[in-house]
Amino acid sequence: MIRKGLIPLILLFSPIFLLFAQGNDAGTHPYVIRGEVYVDFEPIYAGHVDSEYPLDVPAASRRALDELSLFFSAMVFGWSFNYEVGERARGIDEILELEQLGSIQPGDPALLVTDTSIKDMRLRVWADYHLNDSHQRRMHVWRTGTIRNAQAVGFAPSSLEEYPGWLAVKQMALEDAARAALRSLLQAGEKNRPKEVTGFISLASFPRYYVDAGRWAASARFRVQIVEIIPFAAY
């Protein structure tokens, strides 16, 4: 049930509010993708008390839309990646470079908030993103062909000297989950550890965030298309 007191505030930040939701099920649909985010009213990230602490409902609503935009972008467009697998014995660092392939903005009229509620000092928001023809073709590619599935948990640092902002901290945890997922995928599918791998990766669904030992953690599922695997023998 939509909490009536929240609707006018959400409307300030979303051009269209869908009054009749399809039910809170992320599911799989050719024309719509769906997800849920939570925003803490008393946010603390990487050892830093947020500058807006504590949040009011309008500020939390804006953050919810920013986070929804990030995840929908990662599902529809994804990233290209260059992953240096690394090896301690050879003194080679593990490095993942991601390049975002497109973005969905918070004001996109296809991004529709469908349900909101407040519980335990959190704003909970469900939203749909209605896919146009181009987006549908992208999602079809992500769901078919040579795409491989991977999942993992990633972590943001427990503390940072310079605070990059709440969304950047969450993105750090998500990108670390992508690194861990790629590593796990290669360990399971490659007989010999490669030196470097390139390709494309996207979110399969919205990640789940939680705090573990003082660090923000992101549990996420990904879709991966590997373009090139470079073995150590090539060097």
C-alpha atoms as a PDB file:
ATOM      1  CA  MET A   1       0.000   0.000   0.000  1.00  0.00           C
ATOM      2  CA  ILE A   2       1.330   3.464  -0.881  1.00  0.00           C
ATOM      3  CA  ARG A   3       1.852   5.615   2.156  1.00  0.00           C
ATOM      4  CA  LYS A   4      -0.252   8.678   1.308  1.00  0.00           C
ATOM      5  CA  GLY A   5       1.814  11.148   3.271  1.00  0.00           C
ATOM      6  CA  LEU A   6       4.836  10.441   1.078  1.00  0.00           C
ATOM      7  CA  ILE A   7       3.253  10.854  -2.338  1.00  0.00           C
ATOM      8  CA  PRO A   8       3.465  14.667  -2.590  1.00  0.00           C
ATOM      9  CA  LEU A   9       7.130  14.629  -1.531  1.00  0.00           C
ATOM     10  CA  ILE A  10       8.083  11.930  -4.019  1.00  0.00           C
ATOM     11  CA  LEU A  11       6.195  13.804  -6.730  1.00  0.00           C
ATOM     12  CA  LEU A  12       8.535  16.750  -6.240  1.00  0.00           C
ATOM     13  CA  PHE A  13      11.390  14.631  -7.590  1.00  0.00           C
ATOM     14  CA  SER A  14       9.716  12.297 -10.096  1.00  0.00           C
ATOM     15  CA  PRO A  15       7.812  13.638 -13.103  1.00  0.00           C
ATOM     16  CA  ILE A  16       5.263  10.811 -13.044  1.00  0.00           C
ATOM     17  CA  PHE A  17       4.030   8.743 -10.095  1.00  0.00           C
ATOM     18  CA  LEU A  18       2.449   5.396 -10.975  1.00  0.00           C
ATOM     19  CA  LEU A  19      -0.495   5.016  -8.607  1.00  0.00           C
ATOM     20  CA  PHE A  20      -1.252   1.403  -9.418  1.00  0.00           C
ATOM     21  CA  ALA A  21       1.824  -0.753  -8.803  1.00  0.00           C
ATOM     22  CA  GLN A  22       2.324  -4.192 -10.307  1.00  0.00           C
ATOM     23  CA  GLY A  23       3.179  -5.677  -6.920  1.00  0.00           C
ATOM     24  CA  ASN A  24       6.567  -5.705  -5.230  1.00  0.00           C
ATOM     25  CA  ASP A  25       8.200  -8.321  -7.398  1.00  0.00           C
ATOM     26  CA  ALA A  26      11.433  -7.574  -9.265  1.00  0.00           C
ATOM     27  CA  GLY A  27      10.692 -10.379 -11.742  1.00  0.00           C
ATOM     28  CA  THR A  28      11.657 -10.431 -15.427  1.00  0.00           C
ATOM     29  CA  HIS A  29       9.656  -8.542 -18.025  1.00  0.00           C
ATOM     30  CA  PRO A  30      10.570  -7.602 -21.605  1.00  0.00           C
ATOM     31  CA  TYR A  31       9.304  -4.019 -21.235  1.00  0.00           C
ATOM     32  CA  VAL A  32       9.890  -3.107 -17.579  1.00  0.00           C
ATOM     33  CA  ILE A  33      12.679  -3.588 -15.045  1.00  0.00           C
ATOM     34  CA  ARG A  34      11.998  -3.124 -11.358  1.00  0.00           C
ATOM     35  CA  GLY A  35      13.889  -2.606  -8.136  1.00  0.00           C
ATOM     36  CA  GLU A  36      13.837  -1.447  -4.529  1.00  0.00           C
ATOM     37  CA  VAL A  37      16.157   0.850  -2.564  1.00  0.00           C
ATOM     38  CA  TYR A  38      16.410   1.855   1.082  1.00  0.00           C
ATOM     39  CA  VAL A  39      17.653   5.235   2.314  1.00  0.00           C
ATOM     40  CA  ASP A  40      18.752   5.667   5.943  1.00  0.00           C
ATOM     41  CA  PHE A  41      17.612   8.867   7.628  1.00  0.00           C
ATOM     42  CA  GLU A  42      20.759   8.824   9.791  1.00  0.00           C
ATOM     43  CA  PRO A  43      23.476   7.922   7.250  1.00  0.00           C
ATOM     44  CA  ILE A  44      27.063   7.140   8.227  1.00  0.00           C
ATOM     45  CA  TYR A  45      29.413   6.042   5.432  1.00  0.00           C
ATOM     46  CA  ALA A  46      33.056   4.962   5.681  1.00  0.00           C
ATOM     47  CA  GLY A  47      33.453   6.470   9.125  1.00  0.00           C
ATOM     48  CA  HIS A  48      31.929   9.814   8.127  1.00  0.00           C
ATOM     49  CA  VAL A  49      28.705  11.301   9.443  1.00  0.00           C
ATOM     50  CA  ASP A  50      26.951  12.583   6.357  1.00  0.00           C
ATOM     51  CA  SER A  51      26.757  16.347   5.834  1.00  0.00           C
ATOM     52  CA  GLU A  52      22.932  16.213   5.650  1.00  0.00           C
ATOM     53  CA  TYR A  53      22.614  14.106   8.803  1.00  0.00           C
ATOM     54  CA  PRO A  54      19.835  13.531   9.738  1.00  0.00           C
ATOM     55  CA  LEU A  55      17.889  13.491   6.471  1.00  0.00           C
ATOM     56  CA  ASP A  56      14.352  14.758   6.049  1.00  0.00           C
ATOM     57  CA  VAL A  57      11.929  13.036   3.678  1.00  0.00           C
ATOM     58  CA  PRO A  58      12.620  15.314   0.651  1.00  0.00           C
ATOM     59  CA  ALA A  59      16.386  14.737   0.969  1.00  0.00           C
ATOM     60  CA  ALA A  60      15.878  10.988   1.368  1.00  0.00           C
ATOM     61  CA  SER A  61      13.594  11.017  -1.686  1.00  0.00           C
ATOM     62  CA  ARG A  62      16.250  12.707  -3.802  1.00  0.00           C
ATOM     63  CA  ARG A  63      18.818  10.140  -2.686  1.00  0.00           C
ATOM     64  CA  ALA A  64      16.446   7.293  -3.497  1.00  0.00           C
ATOM     65  CA  LEU A  65      16.075   8.599  -7.054  1.00  0.00           C
ATOM     66  CA  ASP A  66      19.850   8.978  -7.411  1.00  0.00           C
ATOM     67  CA  GLU A  67      20.341   5.382  -6.311  1.00  0.00           C
ATOM     68  CA  LEU A  68      17.548   4.099  -8.531  1.00  0.00           C
ATOM     69  CA  SER A  69      19.162   5.881 -11.488  1.00  0.00           C
ATOM     70  CA  LEU A  70      22.540   4.288 -10.728  1.00  0.00           C
ATOM     71  CA  PHE A  71      21.139   0.761 -10.602  1.00  0.00           C
ATOM     72  CA  PHE A  72      18.823   1.072 -13.607  1.00  0.00           C
ATOM     73  CA  SER A  73      21.774   2.480 -15.596  1.00  0.00           C
ATOM     74  CA  ALA A  74      23.903  -0.487 -14.519  1.00  0.00           C
ATOM     75  CA  MET A  75      21.170  -2.926 -15.600  1.00  0.00           C
ATOM     76  CA  VAL A  76      20.410  -1.373 -19.004  1.00  0.00           C
ATOM     77  CA  PHE A  77      23.837  -0.082 -20.088  1.00  0.00           C
ATOM     78  CA  GLY A  78      26.370  -1.706 -17.761  1.00  0.00           C
ATOM     79  CA  TRP A  79      30.113  -1.140 -18.043  1.00  0.00           C
ATOM     80  CA  SER A  80      32.989  -2.171 -20.229  1.00  0.00           C
ATOM     81  CA  PHE A  81      35.772  -3.633 -18.099  1.00  0.00           C
ATOM     82  CA  ASN A  82      39.468  -4.369 -18.126  1.00  0.00           C
ATOM     83  CA  TYR A  83      40.398  -6.768 -15.341  1.00  0.00           C
ATOM     84  CA  GLU A  84      43.982  -7.570 -14.406  1.00  0.00           C
ATOM     85  CA  VAL A  85      43.536 -10.726 -12.380  1.00  0.00           C
ATOM     86  CA  GLY A  86      46.730 -10.294 -10.373  1.00  0.00           C
ATOM     87  CA  GLU A  87      48.928 -12.826  -8.607  1.00  0.00           C
ATOM     88  CA  ARG A  88      50.637 -12.326  -5.265  1.00  0.00           C
ATOM     89  CA  ALA A  89      53.472 -14.748  -6.046  1.00  0.00           C
ATOM     90  CA  ARG A  90      54.492 -12.593  -9.028  1.00  0.00           C
ATOM     91  CA  GLY A  91      53.834  -9.296  -7.298  1.00  0.00           C
ATOM     92  CA  ILE A  92      51.039  -8.419  -9.753  1.00  0.00           C
ATOM     93  CA  ASP A  93      48.204  -6.306  -8.337  1.00  0.00           C
ATOM     94  CA  GLU A  94      44.563  -7.117  -8.954  1.00  0.00           C
ATOM     95  CA  ILE A  95      42.987  -4.166 -10.792  1.00  0.00           C
ATOM     96  CA  LEU A  96      39.485  -3.716 -12.216  1.00  0.00           C
ATOM     97  CA  GLU A  97      38.796  -0.732 -14.478  1.00  0.00           C
ATOM     98  CA  LEU A  98      35.148  -0.018 -15.291  1.00  0.00           C
ATOM     99  CA  GLU A  99      33.787   2.436 -17.850  1.00  0.00           C
ATOM    100  CA  GLN A 100      30.098   3.280 -17.692  1.00  0.00           C
ATOM    101  CA  LEU A 101      28.395   2.813 -21.076  1.00  0.00           C
ATOM    102  CA  GLY A 102      25.359   5.018 -20.493  1.00  0.00           C
ATOM    103  CA  SER A 103      23.242   6.603 -17.803  1.00  0.00           C
ATOM    104  CA  ILE A 104      19.617   7.080 -16.785  1.00  0.00           C
ATOM    105  CA  GLN A 105      18.919  10.381 -15.045  1.00  0.00           C
ATOM    106  CA  PRO A 106      16.687  10.795 -11.948  1.00  0.00           C
ATOM    107  CA  GLY A 107      14.277  12.963 -13.952  1.00  0.00           C
ATOM    108  CA  ASP A 108      13.790  10.402 -16.720  1.00  0.00           C
ATOM    109  CA  PRO A 109      10.007  10.136 -17.308  1.00  0.00           C
ATOM    110  CA  ALA A 110      10.355   6.363 -17.798  1.00  0.00           C
ATOM    111  CA  LEU A 111      11.500   6.014 -14.158  1.00  0.00           C
ATOM    112  CA  LEU A 112       8.332   5.617 -12.118  1.00  0.00           C
ATOM    113  CA  VAL A 113       8.097   5.334  -8.328  1.00  0.00           C
ATOM    114  CA  THR A 114       5.399   2.782  -7.515  1.00  0.00           C
ATOM    115  CA  ASP A 115       5.493   2.329  -3.745  1.00  0.00           C
ATOM    116  CA  THR A 116       7.009   4.061  -0.702  1.00  0.00           C
ATOM    117  CA  SER A 117       7.037   3.497   3.044  1.00  0.00           C
ATOM    118  CA  ILE A 118       9.005   4.470   6.160  1.00  0.00           C
ATOM    119  CA  LYS A 119      10.089   1.891   8.728  1.00  0.00           C
ATOM    120  CA  ASP A 120      12.966   1.667  11.216  1.00  0.00           C
ATOM    121  CA  MET A 121      14.379   5.096  10.248  1.00  0.00           C
ATOM    122  CA  ARG A 122      14.524   4.133   6.566  1.00  0.00           C
ATOM    123  CA  LEU A 123      12.718   5.287   3.470  1.00  0.00           C
ATOM    124  CA  ARG A 124      11.841   2.310   1.271  1.00  0.00           C
ATOM    125  CA  VAL A 125      11.129   2.956  -2.414  1.00  0.00           C
ATOM    126  CA  TRP A 126      10.041   0.588  -5.188  1.00  0.00           C
ATOM    127  CA  ALA A 127      10.311   1.822  -8.789  1.00  0.00           C
ATOM    128  CA  ASP A 128       9.866   0.681 -12.375  1.00  0.00           C
ATOM    129  CA  TYR A 129      11.875   1.667 -15.423  1.00  0.00           C
ATOM    130  CA  HIS A 130       9.922   1.337 -18.674  1.00  0.00           C
ATOM    131  CA  LEU A 131      12.213   0.280 -21.487  1.00  0.00           C
ATOM    132  CA  ASN A 132      12.068   1.941 -24.891  1.00  0.00           C
ATOM    133  CA  ASP A 133      12.898  -0.026 -28.060  1.00  0.00           C
ATOM    134  CA  SER A 134      16.625   0.660 -27.772  1.00  0.00           C
ATOM    135  CA  HIS A 135      16.698  -0.371 -24.112  1.00  0.00           C
ATOM    136  CA  GLN A 136      14.734  -3.524 -24.883  1.00  0.00           C
ATOM    137  CA  ARG A 137      17.345  -4.528 -27.449  1.00  0.00           C
ATOM    138  CA  ARG A 138      20.112  -3.918 -24.904  1.00  0.00           C
ATOM    139  CA  MET A 139      18.350  -5.988 -22.270  1.00  0.00           C
ATOM    140  CA  HIS A 140      17.781  -8.788 -24.790  1.00  0.00           C
ATOM    141  CA  VAL A 141      21.539  -8.895 -25.432  1.00  0.00           C
ATOM    142  CA  TRP A 142      22.254  -8.969 -21.683  1.00  0.00           C
ATOM    143  CA  ARG A 143      19.883 -11.902 -21.229  1.00  0.00           C
ATOM    144  CA  THR A 144      20.923 -14.102 -24.157  1.00  0.00           C
ATOM    145  CA  GLY A 145      23.856 -15.365 -26.226  1.00  0.00           C
ATOM    146  CA  THR A 146      27.289 -15.720 -24.671  1.00  0.00           C
ATOM    147  CA  ILE A 147      26.365 -13.935 -21.445  1.00  0.00           C
ATOM    148  CA  ARG A 148      27.515 -15.646 -18.248  1.00  0.00           C
ATOM    149  CA  ASN A 149      26.071 -15.135 -14.769  1.00  0.00           C
ATOM    150  CA  ALA A 150      28.144 -14.322 -11.701  1.00  0.00           C
ATOM    151  CA  GLN A 151      27.496 -13.084  -8.187  1.00  0.00           C
ATOM    152  CA  ALA A 152      29.558 -11.970  -5.216  1.00  0.00           C
ATOM    153  CA  VAL A 153      29.754  -9.665  -2.220  1.00  0.00           C
ATOM    154  CA  GLY A 154      31.916  -6.542  -2.385  1.00  0.00           C
ATOM    155  CA  PHE A 155      33.011  -4.070   0.277  1.00  0.00           C
ATOM    156  CA  ALA A 156      33.667  -0.371   0.558  1.00  0.00           C
ATOM    157  CA  PRO A 157      36.517   0.764   2.865  1.00  0.00           C
ATOM    158  CA  SER A 158      35.627   1.007   6.553  1.00  0.00           C
ATOM    159  CA  SER A 159      37.171   4.484   6.638  1.00  0.00           C
ATOM    160  CA  LEU A 160      38.327   7.107   4.161  1.00  0.00           C
ATOM    161  CA  GLU A 161      40.433  10.202   4.839  1.00  0.00           C
ATOM    162  CA  GLU A 162      38.508  12.184   2.246  1.00  0.00           C
ATOM    163  CA  TYR A 163      34.784  11.528   2.114  1.00  0.00           C
ATOM    164  CA  PRO A 164      33.651  11.186  -1.539  1.00  0.00           C
ATOM    165  CA  GLY A 165      29.935  11.202  -0.730  1.00  0.00           C
ATOM    166  CA  TRP A 166      27.377   8.566   0.194  1.00  0.00           C
ATOM    167  CA  LEU A 167      26.669   7.406  -3.361  1.00  0.00           C
ATOM    168  CA  ALA A 168      30.372   7.049  -4.176  1.00  0.00           C
ATOM    169  CA  VAL A 169      30.844   4.818  -1.115  1.00  0.00           C
ATOM    170  CA  LYS A 170      27.971   2.581  -2.220  1.00  0.00           C
ATOM    171  CA  GLN A 171      29.400   2.498  -5.732  1.00  0.00           C
ATOM    172  CA  MET A 172      32.783   1.408  -4.316  1.00  0.00           C
ATOM    173  CA  ALA A 173      31.102  -1.597  -2.688  1.00  0.00           C
ATOM    174  CA  LEU A 174      29.242  -2.400  -5.918  1.00  0.00           C
ATOM    175  CA  GLU A 175      32.398  -2.199  -8.045  1.00  0.00           C
ATOM    176  CA  ASP A 176      34.231  -4.413  -5.558  1.00  0.00           C
ATOM    177  CA  ALA A 177      31.378  -6.934  -5.883  1.00  0.00           C
ATOM    178  CA  ALA A 178      31.904  -6.840  -9.667  1.00  0.00           C
ATOM    179  CA  ARG A 179      35.615  -7.539  -9.153  1.00  0.00           C
ATOM    180  CA  ALA A 180      34.896 -10.465  -6.827  1.00  0.00           C
ATOM    181  CA  ALA A 181      32.261 -11.841  -9.224  1.00  0.00           C
ATOM    182  CA  LEU A 182      34.659 -11.729 -12.172  1.00  0.00           C
ATOM    183  CA  ARG A 183      37.380 -13.428 -10.146  1.00  0.00           C
ATOM    184  CA  SER A 184      34.987 -16.182  -9.045  1.00  0.00           C
ATOM    185  CA  LEU A 185      33.716 -16.650 -12.613  1.00  0.00           C
ATOM    186  CA  LEU A 186      37.250 -17.046 -13.982  1.00  0.00           C
ATOM    187  CA  GLN A 187      38.297 -19.424 -11.211  1.00  0.00           C
ATOM    188  CA  ALA A 188      35.343 -21.667 -12.017  1.00  0.00           C
ATOM    189  CA  GLY A 189      35.616 -21.494 -15.813  1.00  0.00           C
ATOM    190  CA  GLU A 190      39.321 -21.168 -16.675  1.00  0.00           C
ATOM    191  CA  LYS A 191      41.798 -24.004 -16.152  1.00  0.00           C
ATOM    192  CA  ASN A 192      44.771 -21.624 -16.032  1.00  0.00           C
ATOM    193  CA  ARG A 193      44.618 -18.243 -14.375  1.00  0.00           C
ATOM    194  CA  PRO A 194      44.722 -15.525 -17.057  1.00  0.00           C
ATOM    195  CA  LYS A 195      46.675 -12.321 -16.717  1.00  0.00           C
ATOM    196  CA  GLU A 196      44.026 -10.001 -18.095  1.00  0.00           C
ATOM    197  CA  VAL A 197      40.397 -10.139 -19.224  1.00  0.00           C
ATOM    198  CA  THR A 198      38.274  -7.591 -21.107  1.00  0.00           C
ATOM    199  CA  GLY A 199      34.558  -7.483 -21.766  1.00  0.00           C
ATOM    200  CA  PHE A 200      31.247  -6.098 -20.586  1.00  0.00           C
ATOM    201  CA  ILE A 201      29.348  -6.451 -17.323  1.00  0.00           C
ATOM    202  CA  SER A 202      25.921  -5.357 -16.097  1.00  0.00           C
ATOM    203  CA  LEU A 203      23.743  -5.740 -13.024  1.00  0.00           C
ATOM    204  CA  ALA A 204      21.242  -8.578 -13.287  1.00  0.00           C
ATOM    205  CA  SER A 205      19.105  -7.114 -10.475  1.00  0.00           C
ATOM    206  CA  PHE A 206      19.355  -4.484  -7.767  1.00  0.00           C
ATOM    207  CA  PRO A 207      22.100  -5.216  -5.204  1.00  0.00           C
ATOM    208  CA  ARG A 208      21.433  -5.734  -1.509  1.00  0.00           C
ATOM    209  CA  TYR A 209      23.383  -3.462   0.858  1.00  0.00           C
ATOM    210  CA  TYR A 210      24.213  -4.042   4.504  1.00  0.00           C
ATOM    211  CA  VAL A 211      26.914  -3.147   7.023  1.00  0.00           C
ATOM    212  CA  ASP A 212      29.494  -5.838   7.849  1.00  0.00           C
ATOM    213  CA  ALA A 213      32.171  -5.154  10.482  1.00  0.00           C
ATOM    214  CA  GLY A 214      31.868  -1.414   9.916  1.00  0.00           C
ATOM    215  CA  ARG A 215      32.060  -1.676   6.112  1.00  0.00           C
ATOM    216  CA  TRP A 216      29.277  -1.205   3.614  1.00  0.00           C
ATOM    217  CA  ALA A 217      28.768  -4.469   1.736  1.00  0.00           C
ATOM    218  CA  ALA A 218      26.955  -5.029  -1.564  1.00  0.00           C
ATOM    219  CA  SER A 219      25.635  -8.461  -2.514  1.00  0.00           C
ATOM    220  CA  ALA A 220      25.057  -8.366  -6.266  1.00  0.00           C
ATOM    221  CA  ARG A 221      24.327 -10.535  -9.297  1.00  0.00           C
ATOM    222  CA  PHE A 222      25.901  -9.675 -12.645  1.00  0.00           C
ATOM    223  CA  ARG A 223      25.749 -10.595 -16.310  1.00  0.00           C
ATOM    224  CA  VAL A 224      29.158 -10.879 -17.974  1.00  0.00           C
ATOM    225  CA  GLN A 225      30.278 -10.993 -21.588  1.00  0.00           C
ATOM    226  CA  ILE A 226      33.964 -11.855 -21.935  1.00  0.00           C
ATOM    227  CA  VAL A 227      35.541 -10.463 -25.107  1.00  0.00           C
ATOM    228  CA  GLU A 228      39.219 -11.372 -24.658  1.00  0.00           C
ATOM    229  CA  ILE A 229      41.276 -13.471 -22.259  1.00  0.00           C
ATOM    230  CA  ILE A 230      45.019 -12.769 -22.213  1.00  0.00           C
ATOM    231  CA  PRO A 231      47.122 -15.552 -20.646  1.00  0.00           C
ATOM    232  CA  PHE A 232      50.374 -15.034 -18.768  1.00  0.00           C
ATOM    233  CA  ALA A 233      52.149 -16.833 -21.611  1.00  0.00           C
ATOM    234  CA  ALA A 234      51.462 -13.826 -23.852  1.00  0.00           C
ATOM    235  CA  TYR A 235      53.906 -11.744 -21.800  1.00  0.00           C
END
